[in-house]
């Protein structure tokens, strides 16, 4: 689904409102860069409540709230 989104939609250049219309409200995480918007795409849990792996689709926004870049950010072994 993420591959289809990133290959078939022109994401760079979207406004914040257009991005929200397309994907819904983002799941921003406290203490992360304020010019980035985070969408959770994978969360894997092990034996406890702490995730072992998380992947985000991250959009970088400029001062006019326009998408300037995006990437998939992977965080492994969060415990």
N, C-alpha and C. Protein backbone atom coordinates (compact mmCIF):
# COMPACT_ATOMS: atom_id res chain seq x y z
N UNK A 1 0.82 -1.19 0.00
CA UNK A 1 0.00 0.00 0.00
C UNK A 1 0.87 1.26 0.00
N UNK A 2 1.90 1.28 0.83
CA UNK A 2 2.79 2.45 0.89
C UNK A 2 3.55 2.59 -0.42
N UNK A 3 3.99 1.48 -0.99
CA UNK A 3 4.70 1.53 -2.26
C UNK A 3 3.80 2.10 -3.36
N UNK A 4 2.56 1.66 -3.39
CA UNK A 4 1.61 2.19 -4.38
C UNK A 4 1.39 3.69 -4.18
N UNK A 5 1.26 4.10 -2.94
CA UNK A 5 1.06 5.52 -2.63
C UNK A 5 2.25 6.35 -3.09
N UNK A 6 3.46 5.91 -2.75
CA UNK A 6 4.64 6.71 -3.07
C UNK A 6 4.98 6.68 -4.57
N UNK A 7 4.57 5.63 -5.27
CA UNK A 7 4.86 5.54 -6.71
C UNK A 7 3.79 6.20 -7.58
N UNK A 8 2.54 6.22 -7.12
CA UNK A 8 1.44 6.65 -7.98
C UNK A 8 0.83 8.01 -7.63
N UNK A 9 1.26 8.62 -6.55
CA UNK A 9 0.74 9.93 -6.16
C UNK A 9 1.89 10.93 -6.11
N UNK A 10 1.61 12.13 -6.55
CA UNK A 10 2.60 13.21 -6.45
C UNK A 10 2.48 13.78 -5.03
N UNK A 11 3.32 13.33 -4.13
CA UNK A 11 3.23 13.73 -2.72
C UNK A 11 3.99 15.02 -2.45
N UNK A 12 5.15 15.18 -3.09
CA UNK A 12 5.91 16.42 -2.92
C UNK A 12 5.11 17.54 -3.58
N UNK A 13 4.90 18.62 -2.83
CA UNK A 13 4.13 19.74 -3.34
C UNK A 13 2.73 19.81 -2.76
N UNK A 14 2.27 18.72 -2.08
CA UNK A 14 0.96 18.77 -1.43
C UNK A 14 0.98 19.71 -0.25
N UNK A 15 -0.13 20.36 0.00
CA UNK A 15 -0.26 21.16 1.22
C UNK A 15 -0.60 20.22 2.38
N UNK A 16 -0.47 20.72 3.59
CA UNK A 16 -0.83 19.92 4.77
C UNK A 16 -2.27 19.45 4.68
N UNK A 17 -3.19 20.34 4.30
CA UNK A 17 -4.61 19.97 4.20
C UNK A 17 -4.84 18.90 3.14
N UNK A 18 -4.14 18.98 2.01
CA UNK A 18 -4.26 17.96 0.97
C UNK A 18 -3.72 16.62 1.46
N UNK A 19 -2.64 16.65 2.21
CA UNK A 19 -2.07 15.43 2.77
C UNK A 19 -3.05 14.77 3.75
N UNK A 20 -3.66 15.58 4.60
CA UNK A 20 -4.65 15.06 5.56
C UNK A 20 -5.87 14.52 4.83
N UNK A 21 -6.31 15.18 3.77
CA UNK A 21 -7.44 14.67 2.98
C UNK A 21 -7.11 13.31 2.38
N UNK A 22 -5.86 13.12 1.97
CA UNK A 22 -5.44 11.87 1.34
C UNK A 22 -5.22 10.75 2.35
N UNK A 23 -4.57 11.06 3.50
CA UNK A 23 -4.12 10.02 4.43
C UNK A 23 -4.77 10.06 5.81
N UNK A 24 -5.50 11.11 6.13
CA UNK A 24 -6.05 11.25 7.47
C UNK A 24 -5.09 12.01 8.37
N UNK A 25 -5.48 12.18 9.62
CA UNK A 25 -4.64 12.92 10.57
C UNK A 25 -3.37 12.14 10.88
N UNK A 26 -2.22 12.81 10.96
CA UNK A 26 -0.95 12.12 11.24
C UNK A 26 -0.82 11.74 12.71
N UNK A 27 0.07 10.79 12.98
CA UNK A 27 0.39 10.37 14.34
C UNK A 27 1.74 10.95 14.73
N UNK A 28 1.81 12.24 14.92
CA UNK A 28 3.09 12.84 15.32
C UNK A 28 3.48 12.37 16.70
N UNK A 29 4.77 12.21 16.88
CA UNK A 29 5.31 11.72 18.14
C UNK A 29 6.01 12.88 18.83
N UNK A 30 5.75 13.05 20.11
CA UNK A 30 6.35 14.15 20.87
C UNK A 30 7.87 14.10 20.79
N UNK A 31 8.48 15.26 20.79
CA UNK A 31 9.94 15.44 20.81
C UNK A 31 10.60 15.12 19.47
N UNK A 32 9.82 14.93 18.42
CA UNK A 32 10.41 14.74 17.10
C UNK A 32 10.39 16.06 16.37
N UNK A 33 11.07 16.13 15.25
CA UNK A 33 11.16 17.38 14.49
C UNK A 33 9.78 17.97 14.22
N UNK A 34 9.64 19.26 14.47
CA UNK A 34 8.34 19.91 14.30
C UNK A 34 7.99 20.15 12.84
N UNK A 35 8.97 20.09 11.94
CA UNK A 35 8.66 20.29 10.52
C UNK A 35 8.42 18.96 9.80
N UNK A 36 8.25 17.89 10.57
CA UNK A 36 7.99 16.58 9.98
C UNK A 36 6.65 16.04 10.45
N UNK A 37 5.97 15.35 9.55
CA UNK A 37 4.68 14.74 9.83
C UNK A 37 4.88 13.23 9.74
N UNK A 38 4.42 12.49 10.75
CA UNK A 38 4.65 11.05 10.85
C UNK A 38 3.34 10.27 10.69
N UNK A 39 3.37 9.26 9.82
CA UNK A 39 2.28 8.31 9.68
C UNK A 39 2.83 6.92 9.99
N UNK A 40 2.26 6.26 10.97
CA UNK A 40 2.68 4.92 11.37
C UNK A 40 2.24 3.94 10.29
N UNK A 41 3.16 3.13 9.79
CA UNK A 41 2.78 2.14 8.78
C UNK A 41 3.00 0.70 9.24
N UNK A 42 3.92 0.47 10.18
CA UNK A 42 4.15 -0.87 10.73
C UNK A 42 4.50 -0.74 12.20
N UNK A 43 3.86 -1.58 13.03
CA UNK A 43 4.24 -1.70 14.44
C UNK A 43 4.24 -3.19 14.76
N UNK A 44 5.40 -3.71 15.16
CA UNK A 44 5.51 -5.12 15.52
C UNK A 44 5.87 -5.24 16.99
N UNK A 45 5.13 -6.09 17.69
CA UNK A 45 5.35 -6.31 19.11
C UNK A 45 5.95 -7.68 19.34
N UNK A 46 6.74 -7.79 20.39
CA UNK A 46 7.30 -9.06 20.82
C UNK A 46 6.47 -9.62 21.95
N UNK A 47 7.13 -10.01 23.00
CA UNK A 47 6.45 -10.64 24.13
C UNK A 47 5.88 -9.64 25.13
N UNK A 48 6.26 -8.35 25.04
CA UNK A 48 5.75 -7.37 26.00
C UNK A 48 5.03 -6.23 25.28
N UNK A 49 4.74 -5.17 26.00
CA UNK A 49 3.95 -4.08 25.40
C UNK A 49 4.78 -3.09 24.59
N UNK A 50 6.11 -3.21 24.65
CA UNK A 50 6.97 -2.30 23.89
C UNK A 50 7.17 -2.81 22.47
N UNK A 51 7.00 -1.95 21.48
CA UNK A 51 7.21 -2.40 20.10
C UNK A 51 8.66 -2.80 19.85
N UNK A 52 8.84 -3.84 19.04
CA UNK A 52 10.18 -4.26 18.64
C UNK A 52 10.61 -3.55 17.36
N UNK A 53 9.65 -3.18 16.54
CA UNK A 53 9.96 -2.50 15.28
C UNK A 53 8.80 -1.59 14.90
N UNK A 54 9.15 -0.38 14.45
CA UNK A 54 8.15 0.58 13.99
C UNK A 54 8.66 1.19 12.69
N UNK A 55 7.74 1.38 11.75
CA UNK A 55 8.07 2.08 10.51
C UNK A 55 7.09 3.23 10.34
N UNK A 56 7.63 4.37 9.95
CA UNK A 56 6.82 5.56 9.72
C UNK A 56 7.02 6.04 8.28
N UNK A 57 5.97 6.57 7.70
CA UNK A 57 6.07 7.35 6.48
C UNK A 57 6.17 8.79 6.95
N UNK A 58 7.33 9.40 6.70
CA UNK A 58 7.64 10.72 7.26
C UNK A 58 7.65 11.75 6.13
N UNK A 59 6.89 12.82 6.33
CA UNK A 59 6.84 13.91 5.36
C UNK A 59 7.53 15.13 5.96
N UNK A 60 8.45 15.72 5.21
CA UNK A 60 9.08 16.96 5.64
C UNK A 60 8.31 18.12 5.02
N UNK A 61 7.99 19.11 5.85
CA UNK A 61 7.19 20.25 5.41
C UNK A 61 8.04 21.52 5.49
N UNK A 62 7.77 22.45 4.58
CA UNK A 62 8.46 23.75 4.65
C UNK A 62 7.64 24.71 5.51
N UNK A 63 8.10 25.96 5.60
CA UNK A 63 7.43 26.95 6.45
C UNK A 63 6.03 27.30 5.97
N UNK A 64 5.69 26.97 4.72
CA UNK A 64 4.35 27.21 4.18
C UNK A 64 3.46 25.98 4.27
N UNK A 65 3.89 24.96 5.02
CA UNK A 65 3.16 23.70 5.21
C UNK A 65 2.96 22.94 3.90
N UNK A 66 4.01 22.93 3.07
CA UNK A 66 4.01 22.18 1.82
C UNK A 66 5.01 21.04 1.95
N UNK A 67 4.63 19.85 1.48
CA UNK A 67 5.53 18.70 1.51
C UNK A 67 6.72 18.95 0.58
N UNK A 68 7.92 18.85 1.14
CA UNK A 68 9.14 19.04 0.35
C UNK A 68 9.88 17.72 0.12
N UNK A 69 9.61 16.72 0.95
CA UNK A 69 10.27 15.42 0.82
C UNK A 69 9.53 14.41 1.69
N UNK A 70 9.78 13.14 1.41
CA UNK A 70 9.23 12.08 2.27
C UNK A 70 10.18 10.90 2.26
N UNK A 71 10.09 10.07 3.31
CA UNK A 71 10.92 8.88 3.44
C UNK A 71 10.24 7.90 4.37
N UNK A 72 10.69 6.66 4.33
CA UNK A 72 10.25 5.66 5.30
C UNK A 72 11.34 5.55 6.34
N UNK A 73 10.95 5.77 7.60
CA UNK A 73 11.89 5.71 8.72
C UNK A 73 11.61 4.45 9.52
N UNK A 74 12.65 3.64 9.74
CA UNK A 74 12.52 2.38 10.47
C UNK A 74 13.24 2.49 11.80
N UNK A 75 12.56 2.04 12.86
CA UNK A 75 13.15 2.03 14.19
C UNK A 75 13.04 0.60 14.70
N UNK A 76 14.18 -0.02 14.96
CA UNK A 76 14.21 -1.39 15.45
C UNK A 76 14.55 -1.44 16.93
N UNK A 77 14.08 -2.50 17.59
CA UNK A 77 14.40 -2.79 18.99
C UNK A 77 14.20 -1.59 19.88
N UNK A 78 12.95 -1.24 20.09
CA UNK A 78 12.60 -0.07 20.88
C UNK A 78 12.66 -0.32 22.38
N UNK A 79 12.89 -1.56 22.84
CA UNK A 79 12.94 -1.80 24.29
C UNK A 79 14.35 -1.78 24.78
